[in-house]
PDB file of N, CA and C in Angstrom:
ATOM      1  N   UNK A   1      81.932 152.024 102.940  1.00  0.00           N
ATOM      2  CA  UNK A   1      82.648 150.993 102.195  1.00  0.00           C
ATOM      3  C   UNK A   1      83.075 151.543 100.843  1.00  0.00           C
ATOM      4  N   UNK A   2      84.297 151.211 100.445  1.00  0.00           N
ATOM      5  CA  UNK A   2      84.685 151.589  99.093  1.00  0.00           C
ATOM      6  C   UNK A   2      84.109 150.567  98.109  1.00  0.00           C
ATOM      7  N   UNK A   3      84.211 150.867  96.826  1.00  0.00           N
ATOM      8  CA  UNK A   3      83.576 150.022  95.801  1.00  0.00           C
ATOM      9  C   UNK A   3      84.091 148.586  95.837  1.00  0.00           C
ATOM     10  N   UNK A   4      85.389 148.400  96.024  1.00  0.00           N
ATOM     11  CA  UNK A   4      85.940 147.052  96.104  1.00  0.00           C
ATOM     12  C   UNK A   4      85.380 146.278  97.283  1.00  0.00           C
ATOM     13  N   UNK A   5      85.231 146.947  98.430  1.00  0.00           N
ATOM     14  CA  UNK A   5      84.669 146.287  99.612  1.00  0.00           C
ATOM     15  C   UNK A   5      83.199 145.928  99.409  1.00  0.00           C
ATOM     16  N   UNK A   6      82.456 146.795  98.715  1.00  0.00           N
ATOM     17  CA  UNK A   6      81.050 146.504  98.424  1.00  0.00           C
ATOM     18  C   UNK A   6      80.945 145.219  97.612  1.00  0.00           C
ATOM     19  N   UNK A   7      81.749 145.107  96.567  1.00  0.00           N
ATOM     20  CA  UNK A   7      81.710 143.924  95.707  1.00  0.00           C
ATOM     21  C   UNK A   7      82.146 142.683  96.479  1.00  0.00           C
ATOM     22  N   UNK A   8      83.218 142.796  97.243  1.00  0.00           N
ATOM     23  CA  UNK A   8      83.672 141.647  98.052  1.00  0.00           C
ATOM     24  C   UNK A   8      82.574 141.178  98.999  1.00  0.00           C
ATOM     25  N   UNK A   9      81.924 142.124  99.678  1.00  0.00           N
ATOM     26  CA  UNK A   9      80.888 141.742 100.637  1.00  0.00           C
ATOM     27  C   UNK A   9      79.665 141.169  99.930  1.00  0.00           C
ATOM     28  N   UNK A  10      79.313 141.716  98.771  1.00  0.00           N
ATOM     29  CA  UNK A  10      78.210 141.180  97.988  1.00  0.00           C
ATOM     30  C   UNK A  10      78.485 139.730  97.598  1.00  0.00           C
ATOM     31  N   UNK A  11      79.670 139.472  97.065  1.00  0.00           N
ATOM     32  CA  UNK A  11      80.003 138.113  96.647  1.00  0.00           C
ATOM     33  C   UNK A  11      80.077 137.155  97.835  1.00  0.00           C
ATOM     34  N   UNK A  12      80.605 137.606  98.963  1.00  0.00           N
ATOM     35  CA  UNK A  12      80.641 136.763 100.164  1.00  0.00           C
ATOM     36  C   UNK A  12      79.230 136.461 100.647  1.00  0.00           C
ATOM     37  N   UNK A  13      78.351 137.450 100.600  1.00  0.00           N
ATOM     38  CA  UNK A  13      76.956 137.249 101.012  1.00  0.00           C
ATOM     39  C   UNK A  13      76.255 136.272 100.078  1.00  0.00           C
ATOM     40  N   UNK A  14      76.515 136.377  98.784  1.00  0.00           N
ATOM     41  CA  UNK A  14      75.908 135.441  97.834  1.00  0.00           C
ATOM     42  C   UNK A  14      76.391 134.019  98.093  1.00  0.00           C
ATOM     43  N   UNK A  15      77.679 133.856  98.323  1.00  0.00           N
ATOM     44  CA  UNK A  15      78.214 132.518  98.571  1.00  0.00           C
ATOM     45  C   UNK A  15      77.614 131.923  99.849  1.00  0.00           C
ATOM     46  N   UNK A  16      77.390 132.756 100.849  1.00  0.00           N
ATOM     47  CA  UNK A  16      76.796 132.308 102.114  1.00  0.00           C
ATOM     48  C   UNK A  16      75.269 132.217 102.035  1.00  0.00           C
ATOM     49  N   UNK A  17      74.703 132.607 100.906  1.00  0.00           N
ATOM     50  CA  UNK A  17      73.246 132.676 100.693  1.00  0.00           C
ATOM     51  C   UNK A  17      72.559 133.596 101.710  1.00  0.00           C
ATOM     52  N   UNK A  18      73.284 134.659 102.089  1.00  0.00           N
ATOM     53  CA  UNK A  18      72.720 135.709 102.930  1.00  0.00           C
ATOM     54  C   UNK A  18      72.137 136.753 101.967  1.00  0.00           C
ATOM     55  N   UNK A  19      70.963 136.424 101.454  1.00  0.00           N
ATOM     56  CA  UNK A  19      70.380 137.251 100.390  1.00  0.00           C
ATOM     57  C   UNK A  19      70.000 138.646 100.855  1.00  0.00           C
ATOM     58  N   UNK A  20      69.594 138.792 102.108  1.00  0.00           N
ATOM     59  CA  UNK A  20      69.272 140.134 102.598  1.00  0.00           C
ATOM     60  C   UNK A  20      70.509 141.023 102.589  1.00  0.00           C
ATOM     61  N   UNK A  21      71.642 140.495 103.048  1.00  0.00           N
ATOM     62  CA  UNK A  21      72.891 141.264 103.024  1.00  0.00           C
ATOM     63  C   UNK A  21      73.294 141.558 101.586  1.00  0.00           C
ATOM     64  N   UNK A  22      73.185 140.573 100.700  1.00  0.00           N
ATOM     65  CA  UNK A  22      73.532 140.796  99.294  1.00  0.00           C
ATOM     66  C   UNK A  22      72.643 141.885  98.693  1.00  0.00           C
ATOM     67  N   UNK A  23      71.341 141.804  98.952  1.00  0.00           N
ATOM     68  CA  UNK A  23      70.411 142.812  98.397  1.00  0.00           C
ATOM     69  C   UNK A  23      70.721 144.218  98.899  1.00  0.00           C
ATOM     70  N   UNK A  24      71.279 144.326 100.094  1.00  0.00           N
ATOM     71  CA  UNK A  24      71.580 145.655 100.645  1.00  0.00           C
ATOM     72  C   UNK A  24      72.618 146.394  99.806  1.00  0.00           C
ATOM     73  N   UNK A  25      73.330 145.678  98.950  1.00  0.00           N
ATOM     74  CA  UNK A  25      74.357 146.289  98.099  1.00  0.00           C
ATOM     75  C   UNK A  25      73.843 146.630  96.705  1.00  0.00           C
ATOM     76  N   UNK A  26      72.580 146.348  96.428  1.00  0.00           N
ATOM     77  CA  UNK A  26      72.046 146.547  95.080  1.00  0.00           C
ATOM     78  C   UNK A  26      71.327 147.873  94.943  1.00  0.00           C
ATOM     79  N   UNK A  27      71.531 148.504  93.806  1.00  0.00           N
ATOM     80  CA  UNK A  27      70.863 149.748  93.501  1.00  0.00           C
ATOM     81  C   UNK A  27      69.617 149.523  92.660  1.00  0.00           C
ATOM     82  N   UNK A  28      68.876 150.590  92.457  1.00  0.00           N
ATOM     83  CA  UNK A  28      67.660 150.538  91.656  1.00  0.00           C
ATOM     84  C   UNK A  28      67.981 150.081  90.240  1.00  0.00           C
ATOM     85  N   UNK A  29      67.142 149.204  89.711  1.00  0.00           N
ATOM     86  CA  UNK A  29      67.312 148.727  88.349  1.00  0.00           C
ATOM     87  C   UNK A  29      68.423 147.714  88.176  1.00  0.00           C
ATOM     88  N   UNK A  30      68.878 147.105  89.261  1.00  0.00           N
ATOM     89  CA  UNK A  30      69.957 146.122  89.200  1.00  0.00           C
ATOM     90  C   UNK A  30      69.694 145.091  88.112  1.00  0.00           C
ATOM     91  N   UNK A  31      70.749 144.766  87.352  1.00  0.00           N
ATOM     92  CA  UNK A  31      70.640 143.772  86.275  1.00  0.00           C
ATOM     93  C   UNK A  31      71.929 142.970  86.200  1.00  0.00           C
ATOM     94  N   UNK A  32      71.783 141.699  85.834  1.00  0.00           N
ATOM     95  CA  UNK A  32      72.927 140.798  85.659  1.00  0.00           C
ATOM     96  C   UNK A  32      72.875 140.227  84.251  1.00  0.00           C
ATOM     97  N   UNK A  33      74.054 140.028  83.671  1.00  0.00           N
ATOM     98  CA  UNK A  33      74.153 139.384  82.365  1.00  0.00           C
ATOM     99  C   UNK A  33      75.174 138.258  82.494  1.00  0.00           C
ATOM    100  N   UNK A  34      74.738 137.044  82.128  1.00  0.00           N
ATOM    101  CA  UNK A  34      75.573 135.855  82.224  1.00  0.00           C
ATOM    102  C   UNK A  34      75.908 135.337  80.833  1.00  0.00           C
ATOM    103  N   UNK A  35      76.901 134.434  80.740  1.00  0.00           N
ATOM    104  CA  UNK A  35      77.239 133.859  79.424  1.00  0.00           C
ATOM    105  C   UNK A  35      76.002 133.305  78.722  1.00  0.00           C
ATOM    106  N   UNK A  36      75.991 133.458  77.416  1.00  0.00           N
ATOM    107  CA  UNK A  36      74.831 133.058  76.633  1.00  0.00           C
ATOM    108  C   UNK A  36      73.799 134.167  76.534  1.00  0.00           C
ATOM    109  N   UNK A  37      74.197 135.392  76.949  1.00  0.00           N
ATOM    110  CA  UNK A  37      73.313 136.559  76.924  1.00  0.00           C
ATOM    111  C   UNK A  37      72.079 136.364  77.794  1.00  0.00           C
ATOM    112  N   UNK A  38      72.265 135.732  78.945  1.00  0.00           N
ATOM    113  CA  UNK A  38      71.188 135.513  79.916  1.00  0.00           C
ATOM    114  C   UNK A  38      71.073 136.766  80.784  1.00  0.00           C
ATOM    115  N   UNK A  39      69.917 137.411  80.748  1.00  0.00           N
ATOM    116  CA  UNK A  39      69.664 138.634  81.521  1.00  0.00           C
ATOM    117  C   UNK A  39      68.757 138.299  82.696  1.00  0.00           C
ATOM    118  N   UNK A  40      69.190 138.686  83.891  1.00  0.00           N
ATOM    119  CA  UNK A  40      68.421 138.456  85.112  1.00  0.00           C
ATOM    120  C   UNK A  40      68.297 139.774  85.864  1.00  0.00           C
ATOM    121  N   UNK A  41      67.161 139.955  86.544  1.00  0.00           N
ATOM    122  CA  UNK A  41      66.909 141.232  87.204  1.00  0.00           C
ATOM    123  C   UNK A  41      66.795 141.125  88.719  1.00  0.00           C
ATOM    124  N   UNK A  42      66.955 139.923  89.276  1.00  0.00           N
ATOM    125  CA  UNK A  42      66.867 139.792  90.732  1.00  0.00           C
ATOM    126  C   UNK A  42      67.709 138.608  91.199  1.00  0.00           C
ATOM    127  N   UNK A  43      68.032 138.615  92.471  1.00  0.00           N
ATOM    128  CA  UNK A  43      68.782 137.492  93.033  1.00  0.00           C
ATOM    129  C   UNK A  43      67.942 136.225  93.045  1.00  0.00           C
ATOM    130  N   UNK A  44      66.634 136.354  93.226  1.00  0.00           N
ATOM    131  CA  UNK A  44      65.765 135.179  93.183  1.00  0.00           C
ATOM    132  C   UNK A  44      65.775 134.538  91.800  1.00  0.00           C
ATOM    133  N   UNK A  45      65.770 135.359  90.748  1.00  0.00           N
ATOM    134  CA  UNK A  45      65.885 134.829  89.379  1.00  0.00           C
ATOM    135  C   UNK A  45      67.211 134.111  89.192  1.00  0.00           C
ATOM    136  N   UNK A  46      68.279 134.690  89.719  1.00  0.00           N
ATOM    137  CA  UNK A  46      69.599 134.076  89.609  1.00  0.00           C
ATOM    138  C   UNK A  46      69.623 132.701  90.269  1.00  0.00           C
ATOM    139  N   UNK A  47      69.093 132.605  91.464  1.00  0.00           N
ATOM    140  CA  UNK A  47      69.109 131.332  92.186  1.00  0.00           C
ATOM    141  C   UNK A  47      68.296 130.278  91.444  1.00  0.00           C
ATOM    142  N   UNK A  48      67.137 130.652  90.925  1.00  0.00           N
ATOM    143  CA  UNK A  48      66.316 129.702  90.169  1.00  0.00           C
ATOM    144  C   UNK A  48      67.038 129.262  88.893  1.00  0.00           C
ATOM    145  N   UNK A  49      67.675 130.192  88.198  1.00  0.00           N
ATOM    146  CA  UNK A  49      68.391 129.882  86.960  1.00  0.00           C
ATOM    147  C   UNK A  49      69.594 128.973  87.237  1.00  0.00           C
ATOM    148  N   UNK A  50      70.289 129.215  88.355  1.00  0.00           N
ATOM    149  CA  UNK A  50      71.511 128.465  88.671  1.00  0.00           C
ATOM    150  C   UNK A  50      71.237 127.088  89.267  1.00  0.00           C
ATOM    151  N   UNK A  51      70.048 126.886  89.815  1.00  0.00           N
ATOM    152  CA  UNK A  51      69.761 125.639  90.543  1.00  0.00           C
ATOM    153  C   UNK A  51      70.086 124.367  89.758  1.00  0.00           C
ATOM    154  N   UNK A  52      69.725 124.233  88.491  1.00  0.00           N
ATOM    155  CA  UNK A  52      70.079 122.997  87.784  1.00  0.00           C
ATOM    156  C   UNK A  52      71.553 122.944  87.335  1.00  0.00           C
ATOM    157  N   UNK A  53      72.291 124.042  87.503  1.00  0.00           N
ATOM    158  CA  UNK A  53      73.672 124.100  87.035  1.00  0.00           C
ATOM    159  C   UNK A  53      74.680 123.652  88.094  1.00  0.00           C
ATOM    160  N   UNK A  54      74.393 123.934  89.367  1.00  0.00           N
ATOM    161  CA  UNK A  54      75.298 123.552  90.455  1.00  0.00           C
ATOM    162  C   UNK A  54      74.557 123.621  91.784  1.00  0.00           C
ATOM    163  N   UNK A  55      75.077 122.843  92.781  1.00  0.00           N
ATOM    164  CA  UNK A  55      74.514 122.896  94.130  1.00  0.00           C
ATOM    165  C   UNK A  55      74.984 124.148  94.861  1.00  0.00           C
ATOM    166  N   UNK A  56      76.258 124.453  94.664  1.00  0.00           N
ATOM    167  CA  UNK A  56      76.812 125.682  95.251  1.00  0.00           C
ATOM    168  C   UNK A  56      78.054 126.067  94.461  1.00  0.00           C
ATOM    169  N   UNK A  57      78.393 127.350  94.579  1.00  0.00           N
ATOM    170  CA  UNK A  57      79.565 127.871  93.879  1.00  0.00           C
ATOM    171  C   UNK A  57      80.201 128.955  94.746  1.00  0.00           C
ATOM    172  N   UNK A  58      81.509 129.020  94.690  1.00  0.00           N
ATOM    173  CA  UNK A  58      82.254 130.065  95.378  1.00  0.00           C
ATOM    174  C   UNK A  58      83.314 130.611  94.451  1.00  0.00           C
ATOM    175  N   UNK A  59      83.859 131.742  94.829  1.00  0.00           N
ATOM    176  CA  UNK A  59      84.857 132.406  93.992  1.00  0.00           C
ATOM    177  C   UNK A  59      86.137 132.616  94.780  1.00  0.00           C
ATOM    178  N   UNK A  60      87.244 132.264  94.152  1.00  0.00           N
ATOM    179  CA  UNK A  60      88.558 132.593  94.675  1.00  0.00           C
ATOM    180  C   UNK A  60      89.049 133.779  93.868  1.00  0.00           C
ATOM    181  N   UNK A  61      89.366 134.871  94.559  1.00  0.00           N
ATOM    182  CA  UNK A  61      89.830 136.077  93.878  1.00  0.00           C
ATOM    183  C   UNK A  61      91.301 135.964  93.535  1.00  0.00           C
ATOM    184  N   UNK A  62      91.618 136.274  92.292  1.00  0.00           N
ATOM    185  CA  UNK A  62      93.002 136.440  91.877  1.00  0.00           C
ATOM    186  C   UNK A  62      93.327 137.923  91.802  1.00  0.00           C
ATOM    187  N   UNK A  63      92.314 138.693  91.361  1.00  0.00           N
ATOM    188  CA  UNK A  63      92.538 140.120  91.157  1.00  0.00           C
ATOM    189  C   UNK A  63      91.229 140.877  91.320  1.00  0.00           C
ATOM    190  N   UNK A  64      91.329 142.084  91.873  1.00  0.00           N
ATOM    191  CA  UNK A  64      90.192 142.997  91.973  1.00  0.00           C
ATOM    192  C   UNK A  64      90.712 144.385  91.621  1.00  0.00           C
ATOM    193  N   UNK A  65      90.088 145.010  90.625  1.00  0.00           N
ATOM    194  CA  UNK A  65      90.481 146.349  90.184  1.00  0.00           C
ATOM    195  C   UNK A  65      89.281 147.278  90.246  1.00  0.00           C
ATOM    196  N   UNK A  66      89.520 148.505  90.682  1.00  0.00           N
ATOM    197  CA  UNK A  66      88.477 149.528  90.745  1.00  0.00           C
ATOM    198  C   UNK A  66      88.892 150.679  89.837  1.00  0.00           C
ATOM    199  N   UNK A  67      87.950 151.140  89.020  1.00  0.00           N
ATOM    200  CA  UNK A  67      88.223 152.252  88.117  1.00  0.00           C
ATOM    201  C   UNK A  67      87.053 153.233  88.156  1.00  0.00           C
ATOM    202  N   UNK A  68      87.348 154.515  87.990  1.00  0.00           N
ATOM    203  CA  UNK A  68      86.259 155.486  87.933  1.00  0.00           C
ATOM    204  C   UNK A  68      85.460 155.318  86.646  1.00  0.00           C
ATOM    205  N   UNK A  69      84.178 155.637  86.730  1.00  0.00           N
ATOM    206  CA  UNK A  69      83.296 155.641  85.565  1.00  0.00           C
ATOM    207  C   UNK A  69      82.555 156.973  85.557  1.00  0.00           C
ATOM    208  N   UNK A  70      81.926 157.260  84.452  1.00  0.00           N
ATOM    209  CA  UNK A  70      81.245 158.547  84.312  1.00  0.00           C
ATOM    210  C   UNK A  70      80.226 158.793  85.419  1.00  0.00           C
ATOM    211  N   UNK A  71      79.494 157.728  85.813  1.00  0.00           N
ATOM    212  CA  UNK A  71      78.435 157.897  86.807  1.00  0.00           C
ATOM    213  C   UNK A  71      78.709 157.145  88.108  1.00  0.00           C
ATOM    214  N   UNK A  72      79.940 156.669  88.304  1.00  0.00           N
ATOM    215  CA  UNK A  72      80.247 155.933  89.524  1.00  0.00           C
ATOM    216  C   UNK A  72      81.588 155.247  89.419  1.00  0.00           C
ATOM    217  N   UNK A  73      81.593 153.945  89.643  1.00  0.00           N
ATOM    218  CA  UNK A  73      82.827 153.176  89.580  1.00  0.00           C
ATOM    219  C   UNK A  73      82.561 151.824  88.935  1.00  0.00           C
ATOM    220  N   UNK A  74      83.623 151.247  88.374  1.00  0.00           N
ATOM    221  CA  UNK A  74      83.568 149.907  87.806  1.00  0.00           C
ATOM    222  C   UNK A  74      84.565 149.053  88.575  1.00  0.00           C
ATOM    223  N   UNK A  75      84.102 147.885  89.010  1.00  0.00           N
ATOM    224  CA  UNK A  75      84.958 146.944  89.727  1.00  0.00           C
ATOM    225  C   UNK A  75      85.037 145.670  88.891  1.00  0.00           C
ATOM    226  N   UNK A  76      86.253 145.249  88.594  1.00  0.00           N
ATOM    227  CA  UNK A  76      86.480 144.009  87.857  1.00  0.00           C
ATOM    228  C   UNK A  76      87.139 143.015  88.801  1.00  0.00           C
ATOM    229  N   UNK A  77      86.553 141.829  88.887  1.00  0.00           N
ATOM    230  CA  UNK A  77      87.060 140.768  89.749  1.00  0.00           C
ATOM    231  C   UNK A  77      87.333 139.563  88.861  1.00  0.00           C
ATOM    232  N   UNK A  78      88.484 138.928  89.068  1.00  0.00           N
ATOM    233  CA  UNK A  78      88.772 137.707  88.315  1.00  0.00           C
ATOM    234  C   UNK A  78      89.396 136.676  89.234  1.00  0.00           C
ATOM    235  N   UNK A  79      89.295 135.421  88.798  1.00  0.00           N
ATOM    236  CA  UNK A  79      89.847 134.329  89.584  1.00  0.00           C
ATOM    237  C   UNK A  79      89.293 133.007  89.110  1.00  0.00           C
ATOM    238  N   UNK A  80      89.011 132.127  90.066  1.00  0.00           N
ATOM    239  CA  UNK A  80      88.490 130.812  89.724  1.00  0.00           C
ATOM    240  C   UNK A  80      87.269 130.476  90.565  1.00  0.00           C
ATOM    241  N   UNK A  81      86.403 129.647  89.966  1.00  0.00           N
ATOM    242  CA  UNK A  81      85.216 129.145  90.646  1.00  0.00           C
ATOM    243  C   UNK A  81      85.511 127.778  91.244  1.00  0.00           C
ATOM    244  N   UNK A  82      84.876 127.504  92.369  1.00  0.00           N
ATOM    245  CA  UNK A  82      84.907 126.179  92.982  1.00  0.00           C
ATOM    246  C   UNK A  82      83.506 125.908  93.504  1.00  0.00           C
ATOM    247  N   UNK A  83      83.143 124.648  93.591  1.00  0.00           N
ATOM    248  CA  UNK A  83      81.816 124.333  94.082  1.00  0.00           C
ATOM    249  C   UNK A  83      81.470 122.879  93.921  1.00  0.00           C
ATOM    250  N   UNK A  84      80.154 122.632  93.781  1.00  0.00           N
ATOM    251  CA  UNK A  84      79.633 121.273  93.689  1.00  0.00           C
ATOM    252  C   UNK A  84      78.622 121.218  92.554  1.00  0.00           C
ATOM    253  N   UNK A  85      78.810 120.248  91.645  1.00  0.00           N
ATOM    254  CA  UNK A  85      77.865 120.013  90.551  1.00  0.00           C
ATOM    255  C   UNK A  85      76.558 119.454  91.116  1.00  0.00           C
ATOM    256  N   UNK A  86      75.495 119.455  90.331  1.00  0.00           N
ATOM    257  CA  UNK A  86      74.213 118.914  90.810  1.00  0.00           C
ATOM    258  C   UNK A  86      74.294 117.457  91.292  1.00  0.00           C
ATOM    259  N   UNK A  87      75.217 116.674  90.732  1.00  0.00           N
ATOM    260  CA  UNK A  87      75.330 115.264  91.145  1.00  0.00           C
ATOM    261  C   UNK A  87      76.198 115.065  92.380  1.00  0.00           C
ATOM    262  N   UNK A  88      76.665 116.155  92.990  1.00  0.00           N
ATOM    263  CA  UNK A  88      77.463 116.074  94.209  1.00  0.00           C
ATOM    264  C   UNK A  88      78.967 116.059  93.989  1.00  0.00           C
ATOM    265  N   UNK A  89      79.426 115.974  92.751  1.00  0.00           N
ATOM    266  CA  UNK A  89      80.864 115.982  92.463  1.00  0.00           C
ATOM    267  C   UNK A  89      81.413 117.405  92.610  1.00  0.00           C
ATOM    268  N   UNK A  90      82.591 117.537  93.218  1.00  0.00           N
ATOM    269  CA  UNK A  90      83.181 118.869  93.367  1.00  0.00           C
ATOM    270  C   UNK A  90      83.811 119.356  92.063  1.00  0.00           C
ATOM    271  N   UNK A  91      83.929 120.659  91.941  1.00  0.00           N
ATOM    272  CA  UNK A  91      84.701 121.251  90.848  1.00  0.00           C
ATOM    273  C   UNK A  91      85.527 122.388  91.402  1.00  0.00           C
ATOM    274  N   UNK A  92      86.572 122.747  90.667  1.00  0.00           N
ATOM    275  CA  UNK A  92      87.418 123.876  91.050  1.00  0.00           C
ATOM    276  C   UNK A  92      88.233 124.313  89.838  1.00  0.00           C
ATOM    277  N   UNK A  93      88.820 125.486  89.954  1.00  0.00           N
ATOM    278  CA  UNK A  93      89.723 125.960  88.923  1.00  0.00           C
ATOM    279  C   UNK A  93      89.069 126.443  87.645  1.00  0.00           C
ATOM    280  N   UNK A  94      87.784 126.762  87.684  1.00  0.00           N
ATOM    281  CA  UNK A  94      87.082 127.252  86.494  1.00  0.00           C
ATOM    282  C   UNK A  94      87.216 128.781  86.446  1.00  0.00           C
ATOM    283  N   UNK A  95      87.751 129.282  85.353  1.00  0.00           N
ATOM    284  CA  UNK A  95      88.020 130.723  85.246  1.00  0.00           C
ATOM    285  C   UNK A  95      86.734 131.557  85.225  1.00  0.00           C
ATOM    286  N   UNK A  96      86.825 132.767  85.810  1.00  0.00           N
ATOM    287  CA  UNK A  96      85.725 133.724  85.734  1.00  0.00           C
ATOM    288  C   UNK A  96      86.262 135.149  85.740  1.00  0.00           C
ATOM    289  N   UNK A  97      85.459 136.044  85.218  1.00  0.00           N
ATOM    290  CA  UNK A  97      85.655 137.487  85.329  1.00  0.00           C
ATOM    291  C   UNK A  97      84.272 138.083  85.545  1.00  0.00           C
ATOM    292  N   UNK A  98      84.145 138.917  86.553  1.00  0.00           N
ATOM    293  CA  UNK A  98      82.912 139.663  86.806  1.00  0.00           C
ATOM    294  C   UNK A  98      83.231 141.146  86.705  1.00  0.00           C
ATOM    295  N   UNK A  99      82.354 141.887  86.049  1.00  0.00           N
ATOM    296  CA  UNK A  99      82.489 143.339  85.966  1.00  0.00           C
ATOM    297  C   UNK A  99      81.238 143.948  86.578  1.00  0.00           C
ATOM    298  N   UNK A 100      81.435 144.747  87.610  1.00  0.00           N
ATOM    299  CA  UNK A 100      80.335 145.404  88.332  1.00  0.00           C
ATOM    300  C   UNK A 100      80.377 146.897  88.050  1.00  0.00           C
ATOM    301  N   UNK A 101      79.193 147.480  87.873  1.00  0.00           N
ATOM    302  CA  UNK A 101      79.083 148.944  87.792  1.00  0.00           C
ATOM    303  C   UNK A 101      78.347 149.403  89.033  1.00  0.00           C
ATOM    304  N   UNK A 102      78.948 150.343  89.760  1.00  0.00           N
ATOM    305  CA  UNK A 102      78.355 150.879  90.976  1.00  0.00           C
ATOM    306  C   UNK A 102      78.024 152.346  90.768  1.00  0.00           C
ATOM    307  N   UNK A 103      76.861 152.751  91.250  1.00  0.00           N
ATOM    308  CA  UNK A 103      76.436 154.143  91.237  1.00  0.00           C
ATOM    309  C   UNK A 103      76.032 154.486  92.663  1.00  0.00           C
ATOM    310  N   UNK A 104      76.584 155.553  93.191  1.00  0.00           N
ATOM    311  CA  UNK A 104      76.310 155.966  94.574  1.00  0.00           C
ATOM    312  C   UNK A 104      76.564 154.824  95.558  1.00  0.00           C
ATOM    313  N   UNK A 105      77.617 154.035  95.304  1.00  0.00           N
ATOM    314  CA  UNK A 105      78.010 152.969  96.210  1.00  0.00           C
ATOM    315  C   UNK A 105      77.173 151.707  96.141  1.00  0.00           C
ATOM    316  N   UNK A 106      76.246 151.633  95.178  1.00  0.00           N
ATOM    317  CA  UNK A 106      75.373 150.463  95.027  1.00  0.00           C
ATOM    318  C   UNK A 106      75.630 149.797  93.679  1.00  0.00           C
ATOM    319  N   UNK A 107      75.541 148.478  93.658  1.00  0.00           N
ATOM    320  CA  UNK A 107      75.739 147.714  92.423  1.00  0.00           C
ATOM    321  C   UNK A 107      74.490 147.834  91.560  1.00  0.00           C
ATOM    322  N   UNK A 108      74.666 148.304  90.325  1.00  0.00           N
ATOM    323  CA  UNK A 108      73.530 148.413  89.411  1.00  0.00           C
ATOM    324  C   UNK A 108      73.643 147.448  88.236  1.00  0.00           C
ATOM    325  N   UNK A 109      74.863 146.950  87.965  1.00  0.00           N
ATOM    326  CA  UNK A 109      75.060 145.962  86.900  1.00  0.00           C
ATOM    327  C   UNK A 109      76.148 144.980  87.305  1.00  0.00           C
ATOM    328  N   UNK A 110      75.940 143.727  86.906  1.00  0.00           N
ATOM    329  CA  UNK A 110      76.978 142.712  87.030  1.00  0.00           C
ATOM    330  C   UNK A 110      77.019 141.949  85.711  1.00  0.00           C
ATOM    331  N   UNK A 111      78.178 141.944  85.078  1.00  0.00           N
ATOM    332  CA  UNK A 111      78.392 141.170  83.863  1.00  0.00           C
ATOM    333  C   UNK A 111      79.343 140.037  84.214  1.00  0.00           C
ATOM    334  N   UNK A 112      78.960 138.829  83.861  1.00  0.00           N
ATOM    335  CA  UNK A 112      79.696 137.629  84.253  1.00  0.00           C
ATOM    336  C   UNK A 112      80.207 136.913  83.011  1.00  0.00           C
ATOM    337  N   UNK A 113      81.479 136.535  83.049  1.00  0.00           N
ATOM    338  CA  UNK A 113      82.073 135.669  82.039  1.00  0.00           C
ATOM    339  C   UNK A 113      82.772 134.547  82.782  1.00  0.00           C
ATOM    340  N   UNK A 114      82.513 133.297  82.372  1.00  0.00           N
ATOM    341  CA  UNK A 114      83.213 132.173  82.993  1.00  0.00           C
ATOM    342  C   UNK A 114      83.185 130.965  82.061  1.00  0.00           C
ATOM    343  N   UNK A 115      83.947 129.966  82.459  1.00  0.00           N
ATOM    344  CA  UNK A 115      84.036 128.728  81.683  1.00  0.00           C
ATOM    345  C   UNK A 115      83.179 127.614  82.265  1.00  0.00           C
ATOM    346  N   UNK A 116      82.185 127.951  83.067  1.00  0.00           N
ATOM    347  CA  UNK A 116      81.366 126.936  83.728  1.00  0.00           C
ATOM    348  C   UNK A 116      80.626 126.056  82.717  1.00  0.00           C
ATOM    349  N   UNK A 117      80.037 126.652  81.703  1.00  0.00           N
ATOM    350  CA  UNK A 117      79.303 125.853  80.712  1.00  0.00           C
ATOM    351  C   UNK A 117      80.249 124.971  79.901  1.00  0.00           C
ATOM    352  N   UNK A 118      81.454 125.435  79.645  1.00  0.00           N
ATOM    353  CA  UNK A 118      82.442 124.606  78.958  1.00  0.00           C
ATOM    354  C   UNK A 118      82.782 123.396  79.827  1.00  0.00           C
ATOM    355  N   UNK A 119      82.988 123.633  81.114  1.00  0.00           N
ATOM    356  CA  UNK A 119      83.298 122.531  82.031  1.00  0.00           C
ATOM    357  C   UNK A 119      82.127 121.556  82.126  1.00  0.00           C
ATOM    358  N   UNK A 120      80.895 122.072  82.140  1.00  0.00           N
ATOM    359  CA  UNK A 120      79.711 121.194  82.169  1.00  0.00           C
ATOM    360  C   UNK A 120      79.641 120.330  80.905  1.00  0.00           C
ATOM    361  N   UNK A 121      79.911 120.943  79.772  1.00  0.00           N
ATOM    362  CA  UNK A 121      79.881 120.206  78.503  1.00  0.00           C
ATOM    363  C   UNK A 121      80.974 119.127  78.458  1.00  0.00           C
ATOM    364  N   UNK A 122      82.141 119.463  78.948  1.00  0.00           N
ATOM    365  CA  UNK A 122      83.220 118.480  78.984  1.00  0.00           C
ATOM    366  C   UNK A 122      82.872 117.303  79.883  1.00  0.00           C
ATOM    367  N   UNK A 123      82.238 117.591  81.041  1.00  0.00           N
ATOM    368  CA  UNK A 123      81.799 116.509  81.945  1.00  0.00           C
ATOM    369  C   UNK A 123      80.766 115.635  81.247  1.00  0.00           C
ATOM    370  N   UNK A 124      79.812 116.271  80.564  1.00  0.00           N
ATOM    371  CA  UNK A 124      78.759 115.512  79.884  1.00  0.00           C
ATOM    372  C   UNK A 124      79.342 114.633  78.784  1.00  0.00           C
ATOM    373  N   UNK A 125      80.297 115.162  78.024  1.00  0.00           N
ATOM    374  CA  UNK A 125      80.860 114.347  76.943  1.00  0.00           C
ATOM    375  C   UNK A 125      81.729 113.229  77.484  1.00  0.00           C
ATOM    376  N   UNK A 126      82.224 113.367  78.716  1.00  0.00           N
ATOM    377  CA  UNK A 126      82.998 112.302  79.350  1.00  0.00           C
ATOM    378  C   UNK A 126      82.100 111.319  80.074  1.00  0.00           C
ATOM    379  N   UNK A 127      80.770 111.578  80.056  1.00  0.00           N
ATOM    380  CA  UNK A 127      79.809 110.687  80.704  1.00  0.00           C
ATOM    381  C   UNK A 127      79.683 110.904  82.189  1.00  0.00           C
ATOM    382  N   UNK A 128      80.095 112.080  82.688  1.00  0.00           N
ATOM    383  CA  UNK A 128      80.031 112.340  84.125  1.00  0.00           C
ATOM    384  C   UNK A 128      78.826 113.181  84.515  1.00  0.00           C
ATOM    385  N   UNK A 129      77.875 113.361  83.671  1.00  0.00           N
ATOM    386  CA  UNK A 129      76.692 114.095  84.067  1.00  0.00           C
ATOM    387  C   UNK A 129      76.442 115.230  83.192  1.00  0.00           C
TER     388      UNK A 129
END
């Protein structure tokens, strides 16, 4: 698999909650950084952290770029998030950018930027949860 395919399959596995398949794409020392400087070191930590934020989330790709890096490759994915809030209301169209660093074909870092917390705050101020 090329780096773009690895990232696509990882994200598809995460959306399907096929954690074994997702883990097969991770390298030693895997780390994730989310908005608010939230650092997570495992998929189990991610799921626990995300549980009060949404029931499920998926990504629609607008763009995927692969670039060489000193020790591997960097894959940048951007698009929009769609899913379900904890109260069962759907959401869509929330912007995101993910930057993955791969070494020897395995994901070792994922940096996430999105507007999910902004959308949550807007819902709360509108009295929707």
